[in-house]
Protein backbone atom coordinates (compact mmCIF):
# COMPACT_ATOMS: atom_id res chain seq x y z
CA MET A 1 -49.41 -23.53 -3.18
CA LYS A 2 -51.72 -23.20 -6.13
CA THR A 3 -54.04 -25.38 -4.03
CA HIS A 4 -54.05 -22.67 -1.39
CA LEU A 5 -56.27 -20.53 -3.56
CA LYS A 6 -59.07 -23.01 -3.10
CA TYR A 7 -59.23 -21.67 0.42
CA ILE A 8 -59.89 -18.07 -0.61
CA ILE A 9 -63.46 -18.06 0.70
CA LEU A 10 -62.34 -19.61 3.96
CA ILE A 11 -59.40 -17.20 4.11
CA ILE A 12 -61.77 -14.24 3.86
CA VAL A 13 -63.79 -15.67 6.72
CA VAL A 14 -60.68 -16.28 8.80
CA ALA A 15 -59.22 -12.85 8.10
CA THR A 16 -62.52 -11.25 9.04
CA THR A 17 -63.21 -13.24 12.17
CA ILE A 18 -59.70 -12.77 13.56
CA VAL A 19 -60.35 -9.05 13.85
CA SER A 20 -62.01 -7.95 17.09
CA CYS A 21 -65.37 -6.54 16.06
CA LYS A 22 -68.65 -5.99 17.83
CA LYS A 23 -71.11 -8.79 17.30
CA PHE A 24 -73.83 -7.99 14.83
CA LEU A 25 -76.24 -10.33 16.60
CA THR A 26 -76.73 -10.58 20.34
CA THR A 27 -76.58 -14.36 20.24
CA ASP A 28 -73.44 -16.42 19.93
CA SER A 29 -72.97 -18.08 16.56
CA PRO A 30 -71.55 -21.60 16.33
CA SER A 31 -69.70 -20.47 13.19
CA ASP A 32 -67.60 -17.87 15.06
CA PHE A 33 -63.90 -18.69 15.25
CA THR A 34 -61.86 -17.12 18.01
CA GLN A 35 -58.19 -16.37 17.62
CA ASP A 36 -57.40 -19.01 20.25
CA TYR A 37 -59.23 -21.63 18.20
CA ILE A 38 -57.72 -20.65 14.85
CA PHE A 39 -54.17 -20.93 16.16
CA SER A 40 -54.77 -24.02 18.26
CA ASN A 41 -54.08 -26.34 15.31
CA THR A 42 -51.75 -26.33 12.33
CA SER A 43 -54.46 -26.69 9.70
CA ASP A 44 -56.41 -23.56 10.62
CA ALA A 45 -53.27 -21.58 11.48
CA SER A 46 -51.93 -22.37 8.00
CA LYS A 47 -55.10 -21.04 6.40
CA ALA A 48 -54.76 -17.82 8.40
CA VAL A 49 -51.20 -17.37 7.11
CA TYR A 50 -52.39 -18.16 3.57
CA SER A 51 -54.61 -15.09 3.89
CA ILE A 52 -51.43 -13.00 3.79
CA TYR A 53 -50.20 -14.80 0.68
CA ALA A 54 -53.65 -14.22 -0.87
CA LEU A 55 -52.95 -10.49 -1.15
CA PHE A 56 -50.30 -11.25 -3.76
CA ASN A 57 -53.31 -12.15 -5.91
CA GLN A 58 -54.63 -8.60 -6.03
CA ASP A 59 -54.10 -6.25 -8.97
CA ALA A 60 -51.88 -4.13 -6.73
CA PHE A 61 -49.26 -6.85 -7.01
CA THR A 62 -50.09 -8.97 -10.06
CA SER A 63 -49.83 -6.32 -12.77
CA ARG A 64 -48.62 -3.32 -10.83
CA LEU A 65 -46.03 -3.75 -8.10
CA SER A 66 -44.42 -6.99 -9.24
CA ASN A 67 -43.58 -6.16 -12.83
CA ASN A 68 -44.99 -2.88 -14.13
CA PHE A 69 -44.89 -0.32 -11.33
CA THR A 70 -41.49 1.22 -11.96
CA GLY A 71 -41.06 1.36 -15.69
CA ASN A 72 -38.84 3.55 -17.85
CA SER A 73 -35.48 2.46 -16.49
CA ASP A 74 -32.29 1.56 -18.35
CA VAL A 75 -33.78 -1.87 -19.17
CA GLU A 76 -37.54 -1.22 -19.40
CA VAL A 77 -39.39 1.37 -21.42
CA GLY A 78 -43.07 2.17 -21.82
CA GLY A 79 -45.04 4.95 -23.43
CA VAL A 80 -46.54 7.68 -21.27
CA SER A 81 -49.65 9.75 -21.81
CA ALA A 82 -49.46 13.21 -23.34
CA ALA A 83 -50.83 14.59 -20.09
CA PRO A 84 -50.99 13.11 -16.56
CA ASP A 85 -53.98 10.80 -16.17
CA ASN A 86 -53.45 9.37 -12.65
CA SER A 87 -52.38 5.98 -14.00
CA ARG A 88 -49.20 3.93 -13.72
CA ARG A 89 -47.77 5.93 -16.64
CA ASP A 90 -47.59 9.01 -14.44
CA ILE A 91 -45.32 7.03 -12.12
CA TRP A 92 -43.07 6.15 -15.08
CA SER A 93 -42.75 9.84 -16.02
CA PHE A 94 -42.40 11.10 -12.41
CA GLU A 95 -45.69 13.00 -12.62
CA ALA A 96 -47.69 11.05 -10.04
CA THR A 97 -49.79 13.02 -7.56
CA ASP A 98 -51.57 12.03 -4.37
CA ALA A 99 -54.64 11.37 -6.52
CA ASN A 100 -52.93 8.52 -8.37
CA ALA A 101 -55.18 5.48 -8.10
CA ASP A 102 -52.40 2.94 -8.66
CA LEU A 103 -50.34 4.36 -5.81
CA ARG A 104 -53.31 4.25 -3.46
CA THR A 105 -54.13 0.66 -4.46
CA VAL A 106 -50.61 -0.55 -3.73
CA TRP A 107 -50.41 1.40 -0.46
CA ASN A 108 -53.72 0.00 0.81
CA ASN A 109 -52.92 -3.55 -0.29
CA GLY A 110 -49.50 -3.40 1.37
CA TYR A 111 -50.88 -2.31 4.72
CA SER A 112 -53.70 -4.84 4.50
CA ALA A 113 -51.08 -7.59 4.13
CA ILE A 114 -49.03 -6.15 6.98
CA ASN A 115 -52.04 -6.05 9.27
CA ARG A 116 -52.94 -9.64 8.45
CA ALA A 117 -49.35 -10.57 9.25
CA ASN A 118 -49.55 -8.73 12.57
CA LEU A 119 -52.74 -10.64 13.43
CA CYS A 120 -51.14 -13.96 12.55
CA GLU A 121 -47.98 -13.16 14.49
CA GLU A 122 -50.03 -12.42 17.60
CA GLY A 123 -52.03 -15.61 17.22
CA LEU A 124 -49.01 -17.82 16.53
CA GLU A 125 -46.91 -16.41 19.38
CA ASN A 126 -49.75 -16.86 21.85
CA SER A 127 -50.66 -20.34 20.66
CA ALA A 128 -50.25 -23.28 23.01
CA MET A 129 -48.46 -24.95 20.07
CA ALA A 130 -46.08 -22.03 19.46
CA ALA A 131 -42.95 -24.11 20.07
CA THR A 132 -43.80 -26.85 17.56
CA PRO A 133 -41.85 -26.95 14.27
CA ASP A 134 -44.91 -26.35 12.09
CA MET A 135 -45.97 -23.27 14.06
CA GLU A 136 -42.42 -21.90 14.10
CA GLN A 137 -42.32 -22.31 10.32
CA LEU A 138 -45.63 -20.45 9.97
CA LEU A 139 -44.35 -17.67 12.24
CA GLY A 140 -41.26 -17.35 10.04
CA GLU A 141 -43.41 -17.12 6.93
CA THR A 142 -45.59 -14.49 8.60
CA LYS A 143 -42.66 -12.28 9.62
CA THR A 144 -41.06 -12.59 6.19
CA LEU A 145 -44.27 -11.70 4.36
CA ARG A 146 -44.53 -8.61 6.55
CA ALA A 147 -40.90 -7.75 5.75
CA ILE A 148 -41.55 -8.12 2.01
CA TRP A 149 -44.39 -5.61 2.08
CA TYR A 150 -42.43 -3.10 4.17
CA TYR A 151 -39.54 -3.57 1.73
CA TYR A 152 -41.81 -2.63 -1.17
CA LEU A 153 -43.35 0.32 0.66
CA MET A 154 -39.94 1.73 1.62
CA ASN A 155 -38.66 1.27 -1.93
CA HIS A 156 -41.41 3.53 -3.21
CA TRP A 157 -42.16 5.90 -0.32
CA GLY A 158 -39.02 5.94 1.84
CA ASP A 159 -40.00 6.57 5.48
CA VAL A 160 -43.47 5.10 6.10
CA PRO A 161 -45.80 4.40 9.04
CA PHE A 162 -44.61 1.33 10.91
CA SER A 163 -46.49 -0.99 13.22
CA THR A 164 -46.17 -4.62 14.24
CA LYS A 165 -49.42 -4.67 16.22
CA PRO A 166 -52.78 -5.62 14.70
CA THR A 167 -55.19 -2.74 14.20
CA ARG A 168 -58.22 -2.69 16.47
CA SER A 169 -61.19 -0.46 17.12
CA GLY A 170 -60.17 2.72 18.91
CA ASP A 171 -56.57 2.70 17.66
CA ASN A 172 -54.96 5.77 16.16
CA PHE A 173 -55.03 5.05 12.44
CA TYR A 174 -52.86 8.07 11.52
CA LEU A 175 -49.41 6.93 12.48
CA PRO A 176 -46.40 9.17 11.83
CA ARG A 177 -43.64 8.09 9.49
CA THR A 178 -40.84 5.97 10.95
CA SER A 179 -37.30 6.23 9.65
CA ARG A 180 -36.54 3.57 7.05
CA ASP A 181 -33.32 2.81 8.93
CA THR A 182 -35.30 2.00 12.08
CA ILE A 183 -37.74 -0.18 10.14
CA LEU A 184 -34.99 -2.07 8.32
CA THR A 185 -33.01 -2.69 11.51
CA PHE A 186 -36.13 -4.17 13.12
CA LEU A 187 -36.96 -6.37 10.14
CA ILE A 188 -33.40 -7.68 9.81
CA ASN A 189 -33.25 -8.65 13.50
CA ASP A 190 -36.75 -10.11 13.28
CA LEU A 191 -35.75 -12.46 10.45
CA ILE A 192 -32.41 -13.33 12.05
CA ASP A 193 -34.40 -14.56 15.06
CA VAL A 194 -36.76 -16.85 13.10
CA GLU A 195 -34.39 -18.11 10.40
CA PRO A 196 -32.84 -21.06 12.31
CA LYS A 197 -36.30 -22.39 13.20
CA MET A 198 -37.55 -22.57 9.64
CA MET A 199 -37.65 -25.43 7.13
CA TRP A 200 -35.84 -25.79 3.82
CA ALA A 201 -37.91 -25.62 0.64
CA ASP A 202 -37.52 -29.34 -0.01
CA GLN A 203 -39.11 -30.02 3.39
CA LEU A 204 -42.22 -27.96 2.60
CA ASP A 205 -45.36 -29.29 0.96
CA TYR A 206 -45.32 -26.60 -1.74
CA GLY A 207 -41.57 -26.12 -2.09
CA VAL A 208 -40.49 -22.68 -3.29
CA GLU A 209 -44.13 -21.57 -3.44
CA ARG A 210 -43.84 -21.14 0.32
CA ILE A 211 -41.29 -19.02 2.15
CA SER A 212 -38.42 -21.25 3.22
CA ARG A 213 -35.30 -20.96 5.33
CA GLU A 214 -33.07 -20.34 2.32
CA PHE A 215 -35.27 -17.49 1.09
CA VAL A 216 -35.22 -15.92 4.56
CA MET A 217 -31.40 -15.95 4.51
CA GLY A 218 -31.51 -14.25 1.13
CA MET A 219 -34.05 -11.74 2.41
CA ILE A 220 -31.83 -10.91 5.40
CA ALA A 221 -29.04 -10.16 2.94
CA ARG A 222 -31.30 -8.08 0.69
CA LEU A 223 -32.67 -6.00 3.58
CA SER A 224 -29.15 -5.55 4.98
CA LEU A 225 -27.86 -4.21 1.66
CA MET A 226 -30.82 -1.87 1.59
CA ARG A 227 -29.99 -0.73 5.15
CA GLY A 228 -26.34 -0.25 4.26
CA GLY A 229 -27.00 1.40 0.92
CA TYR A 230 -27.58 4.92 -0.32
CA TRP A 231 -30.91 6.70 -0.01
CA LEU A 232 -32.26 9.84 -1.60
CA TYR A 233 -33.34 11.99 1.34
CA PRO A 234 -35.90 14.84 1.37
CA ASP A 235 -33.08 17.36 0.98
CA MET A 236 -32.38 15.64 -2.39
CA GLN A 237 -28.99 14.34 -1.25
CA MET A 238 -27.82 10.73 -1.65
CA ARG A 239 -26.05 9.33 1.40
CA ARG A 240 -25.80 6.29 3.60
CA LYS A 241 -25.46 5.87 7.35
CA ASP A 242 -22.08 5.74 9.06
CA ASP A 243 -22.73 2.16 10.23
CA TYR A 244 -23.27 0.83 6.70
CA LEU A 245 -20.38 -1.66 6.90
CA LYS A 246 -22.12 -3.47 9.76
CA TYR A 247 -24.97 -4.31 7.40
CA TYR A 248 -22.66 -5.31 4.57
CA GLU A 249 -21.15 -7.76 7.05
CA ILE A 250 -24.60 -9.15 7.94
CA ALA A 251 -25.48 -9.59 4.25
CA ASN A 252 -22.13 -11.26 3.60
CA LYS A 253 -22.59 -13.59 6.57
CA TYR A 254 -26.03 -14.80 5.51
CA CYS A 255 -25.06 -15.30 1.87
CA LYS A 256 -22.16 -17.47 3.03
CA LYS A 257 -24.40 -19.25 5.54
CA LEU A 258 -26.85 -20.28 2.83
CA ILE A 259 -24.09 -21.38 0.47
CA SER A 260 -22.51 -23.42 3.27
CA LEU A 261 -25.63 -25.03 4.73
CA LYS A 262 -27.81 -25.46 1.65
CA PRO A 263 -25.97 -24.93 -1.61
CA HIS A 264 -28.22 -24.84 -4.65
CA ILE A 265 -27.38 -25.50 -8.26
CA LEU A 266 -27.82 -22.84 -10.89
CA THR A 267 -30.26 -24.38 -13.35
CA PRO A 268 -27.95 -25.42 -16.24
CA SER A 269 -30.21 -23.80 -18.83
CA PHE A 270 -31.05 -20.17 -18.09
CA ALA A 271 -34.18 -20.43 -20.21
CA GLN A 272 -35.36 -23.48 -18.23
CA ILE A 273 -35.81 -21.40 -15.06
CA PHE A 274 -38.65 -19.49 -16.66
CA GLU A 275 -39.89 -22.34 -18.83
CA ASN A 276 -40.59 -24.20 -15.58
CA GLU A 277 -42.84 -21.34 -14.52
CA ASN A 278 -44.62 -21.31 -17.87
CA LYS A 279 -45.26 -25.04 -17.49
CA TYR A 280 -46.27 -24.86 -13.81
CA ILE A 281 -43.22 -26.89 -12.73
CA VAL A 282 -42.01 -26.08 -9.23
CA ALA A 283 -38.34 -27.01 -9.06
CA LYS A 284 -36.54 -27.63 -5.76
CA ASN A 285 -32.93 -26.97 -4.80
CA GLU A 286 -32.30 -25.16 -8.07
CA ASP A 287 -32.07 -21.47 -8.91
CA VAL A 288 -35.42 -20.14 -7.67
CA LEU A 289 -35.65 -19.68 -3.89
CA PHE A 290 -39.18 -18.29 -3.72
CA GLU A 291 -41.86 -17.51 -6.28
CA VAL A 292 -45.36 -16.16 -5.81
CA ALA A 293 -47.79 -18.93 -6.68
CA PHE A 294 -50.72 -18.28 -8.98
CA GLN A 295 -53.43 -20.77 -9.82
CA PRO A 296 -54.92 -20.58 -13.35
CA GLY A 297 -57.37 -17.70 -13.19
CA PHE A 298 -54.95 -15.62 -11.13
CA GLY A 299 -51.77 -13.72 -11.88
CA ASP A 300 -50.89 -11.56 -14.87
CA VAL A 301 -47.50 -12.99 -15.86
CA GLY A 302 -47.68 -13.70 -19.59
CA TRP A 303 -50.49 -11.18 -19.98
CA CYS A 304 -48.92 -7.82 -19.15
CA ASN A 305 -45.33 -9.07 -19.10
CA GLY A 306 -44.16 -11.53 -21.73
CA VAL A 307 -44.32 -12.38 -25.40
CA ARG A 308 -47.17 -10.69 -27.27
CA VAL A 309 -49.89 -13.05 -28.49
CA ASP A 310 -52.81 -11.49 -30.35
CA GLY A 311 -56.25 -12.86 -29.64
CA GLY A 312 -58.03 -14.86 -32.33
CA THR A 313 -59.86 -18.14 -32.76
CA HIS A 314 -56.88 -20.06 -31.38
CA PRO A 315 -57.23 -21.42 -27.80
CA TYR A 316 -54.43 -19.46 -26.11
CA GLY A 317 -56.06 -16.07 -25.57
CA ALA A 318 -54.37 -12.67 -25.74
CA GLY A 319 -51.41 -11.18 -23.95
CA SER A 320 -48.82 -8.48 -24.40
CA ASN A 321 -46.39 -6.47 -22.31
CA TYR A 322 -46.76 -3.03 -20.79
CA LEU A 323 -43.01 -2.46 -20.78
CA SER A 324 -40.65 -3.26 -23.62
CA LEU A 325 -36.90 -3.81 -23.61
CA PRO A 326 -34.89 -1.02 -25.25
CA VAL A 327 -32.66 -1.74 -28.22
CA THR A 328 -29.64 -0.71 -26.15
CA TYR A 329 -30.39 -3.53 -23.70
CA TYR A 330 -30.79 -6.05 -26.52
CA HIS A 331 -27.40 -5.12 -27.93
CA SER A 332 -25.73 -5.25 -24.51
CA PHE A 333 -25.68 -9.06 -24.85
CA ASP A 334 -22.92 -10.89 -26.67
CA THR A 335 -24.44 -12.59 -29.71
CA LEU A 336 -23.32 -15.98 -28.34
CA ASP A 337 -24.81 -15.35 -24.88
CA THR A 338 -27.56 -17.96 -24.44
CA ARG A 339 -29.38 -15.55 -22.14
CA LEU A 340 -30.15 -13.26 -25.09
CA PRO A 341 -32.84 -15.40 -26.80
CA ALA A 342 -34.19 -16.42 -23.40
CA THR A 343 -34.57 -12.79 -22.36
CA CYS A 344 -35.50 -10.79 -25.45
CA SER A 345 -38.17 -11.64 -28.01
CA ILE A 346 -37.98 -9.91 -31.38
CA ILE A 347 -41.08 -11.68 -32.66
CA TYR A 348 -44.73 -11.76 -31.66
CA TYR A 349 -47.65 -14.02 -32.65
CA ASP A 350 -50.53 -12.60 -34.67
CA LYS A 351 -54.17 -13.73 -34.39
CA ASN A 352 -53.35 -16.79 -36.49
CA LEU A 353 -50.31 -17.63 -34.34
CA VAL A 354 -47.99 -16.72 -37.20
CA GLN A 355 -44.70 -15.20 -36.03
CA GLN A 356 -44.22 -11.55 -36.93
CA PRO A 357 -41.22 -9.27 -36.28
CA THR A 358 -41.54 -6.74 -33.49
CA GLY A 359 -40.73 -3.10 -33.97
CA PRO A 360 -37.50 -1.74 -32.44
CA LEU A 361 -39.53 -0.21 -29.61
CA SER A 362 -41.50 -3.41 -28.90
CA ILE A 363 -38.86 -5.97 -27.90
CA ALA A 364 -40.64 -8.14 -25.34
CA PRO A 365 -39.45 -10.15 -22.32
CA ASN A 366 -39.12 -13.68 -23.71
CA LYS A 367 -39.04 -15.35 -20.29
CA TRP A 368 -42.81 -15.80 -20.09
CA ASN A 369 -45.10 -16.97 -22.86
CA ARG A 370 -48.76 -17.98 -22.54
CA LEU A 371 -48.31 -20.37 -25.48
CA HIS A 372 -46.21 -22.62 -23.23
CA VAL A 373 -48.75 -23.32 -20.46
CA PRO A 374 -49.66 -27.04 -20.19
CA VAL A 375 -53.29 -26.56 -21.23
CA PRO A 376 -54.41 -23.66 -23.47
CA LEU A 377 -56.14 -21.00 -21.39
CA GLY A 378 -59.02 -20.44 -23.82
CA ALA A 379 -59.69 -18.16 -26.79
CA ALA A 380 -61.27 -15.46 -24.60
CA SER A 381 -58.60 -15.60 -21.90
CA ALA A 382 -56.30 -12.70 -21.04
CA LYS A 383 -55.45 -12.20 -17.37
CA GLY A 384 -55.15 -15.09 -14.96
CA THR A 385 -52.47 -17.18 -16.65
CA GLY A 386 -51.43 -19.01 -13.47
CA ILE A 387 -47.73 -18.47 -14.28
CA ASN A 388 -45.71 -17.92 -11.11
CA TRP A 389 -43.61 -14.81 -10.43
CA PRO A 390 -40.03 -15.30 -9.12
CA MET A 391 -39.09 -13.18 -6.09
CA MET A 392 -35.52 -14.33 -5.50
CA ARG A 393 -33.05 -16.70 -7.11
CA TYR A 394 -29.87 -18.35 -5.87
CA SER A 395 -28.03 -16.25 -8.43
CA ASP A 396 -29.20 -13.17 -6.48
CA VAL A 397 -27.50 -14.57 -3.39
CA LEU A 398 -24.27 -15.18 -5.29
CA LEU A 399 -24.32 -11.63 -6.64
CA MET A 400 -25.00 -10.19 -3.17
CA LEU A 401 -22.07 -12.24 -1.89
CA ALA A 402 -19.85 -10.83 -4.63
CA GLU A 403 -20.97 -7.26 -3.89
CA THR A 404 -20.47 -7.48 -0.13
CA GLU A 405 -17.19 -9.38 -0.35
CA ASN A 406 -15.85 -6.81 -2.80
CA GLU A 407 -16.88 -3.98 -0.44
CA LEU A 408 -15.43 -5.63 2.65
CA SER A 409 -12.30 -7.34 1.28
CA GLY A 410 -11.82 -6.18 -2.28
CA PRO A 411 -12.07 -8.31 -5.44
CA ASP A 412 -10.84 -11.48 -3.77
CA ALA A 413 -11.37 -15.08 -4.90
CA THR A 414 -14.69 -15.39 -3.06
CA ALA A 415 -16.13 -12.38 -4.89
CA THR A 416 -14.81 -13.30 -8.31
CA ASP A 417 -15.81 -16.96 -8.01
CA ALA A 418 -19.39 -16.02 -7.04
CA LEU A 419 -19.60 -13.66 -10.01
CA LYS A 420 -18.16 -16.25 -12.37
CA GLN A 421 -20.77 -18.81 -11.33
CA VAL A 422 -23.51 -16.48 -12.46
CA ARG A 423 -21.71 -15.31 -15.60
């Protein structure tokens, strides 16, 4: 899907012309594309759906939502300002206000992606080719992309405005909040409906860089666990709905369905999962089920999240990490656990690319490293490493299976075997 970014200019045109707007000129333009035309063929319909993917390439996702938005947890720590400054650090210290620019950026980007998805859904469902396999696959991708963005919005804001209709002139733009339970129930049923009509990753031209049937099964499970889980409500009480077991059962069913219909291998080397991303290798039928694709020049993995590399005359550019791994996390690994050196870096590279020890408060994620990209990014490079960002792995599905099976049936063989595979 890195090739998809070549279509960014066309995507902007498509995303703009889909929207119903008054004509600026009184004459018809031969360059106008109607919704009927765009979704009358697979090629143009694909480009319209790529316009939703394109919003993963905005700062709201690349260096904010994906890997640095919710810092200062038990496994990530970052310094905060002495006083609130309306940056991401205020979010880390629970001092964010409605003037926080990062919050507004993510909110606006999320609803822009949702509206593009709503436009594409309308076009795909009304297309004369709606029943063809390619169009059904695109519809599944569209609905899943919309679900991803609602998932993120609910994670950070709880109950949010909800709409599945494209915005048009004259609409009420100030929608009330909808209960997160209502939104999740809709999204789960929406994905259950499209899942059987979708293609496996190894049938898709860009593999796990596009949303596939196996990822949708995993997403159904993830949303169902969210629906059946605990929430902090405005009265500051944690509770879950009385029907939570129904959603544990759905999550359990779709984890088992994926494992039965399309079992994946866990990449034998844990480090190799992320080394593939550093080297732009898109593996199929292995651990990763879906990763956000970035072409060189896009994406901040290995710049704001990864091993620190100081800029110098060398051709690799500069990168660091906004959030470090605490010493307690480092020491939570057994010394023989091969995941330890693949996860935690206790060295960095100075301007001469000489290894130096990190401080105890600067242990970096070792999964991503700009020194490992196939072609050096350039001495002046920083952002835009082109390293993909994983959204879900097969190991996540196994762990969700273990969690749901344990909840529904206790620590039986199915639960323990799934956990052991990951361990």
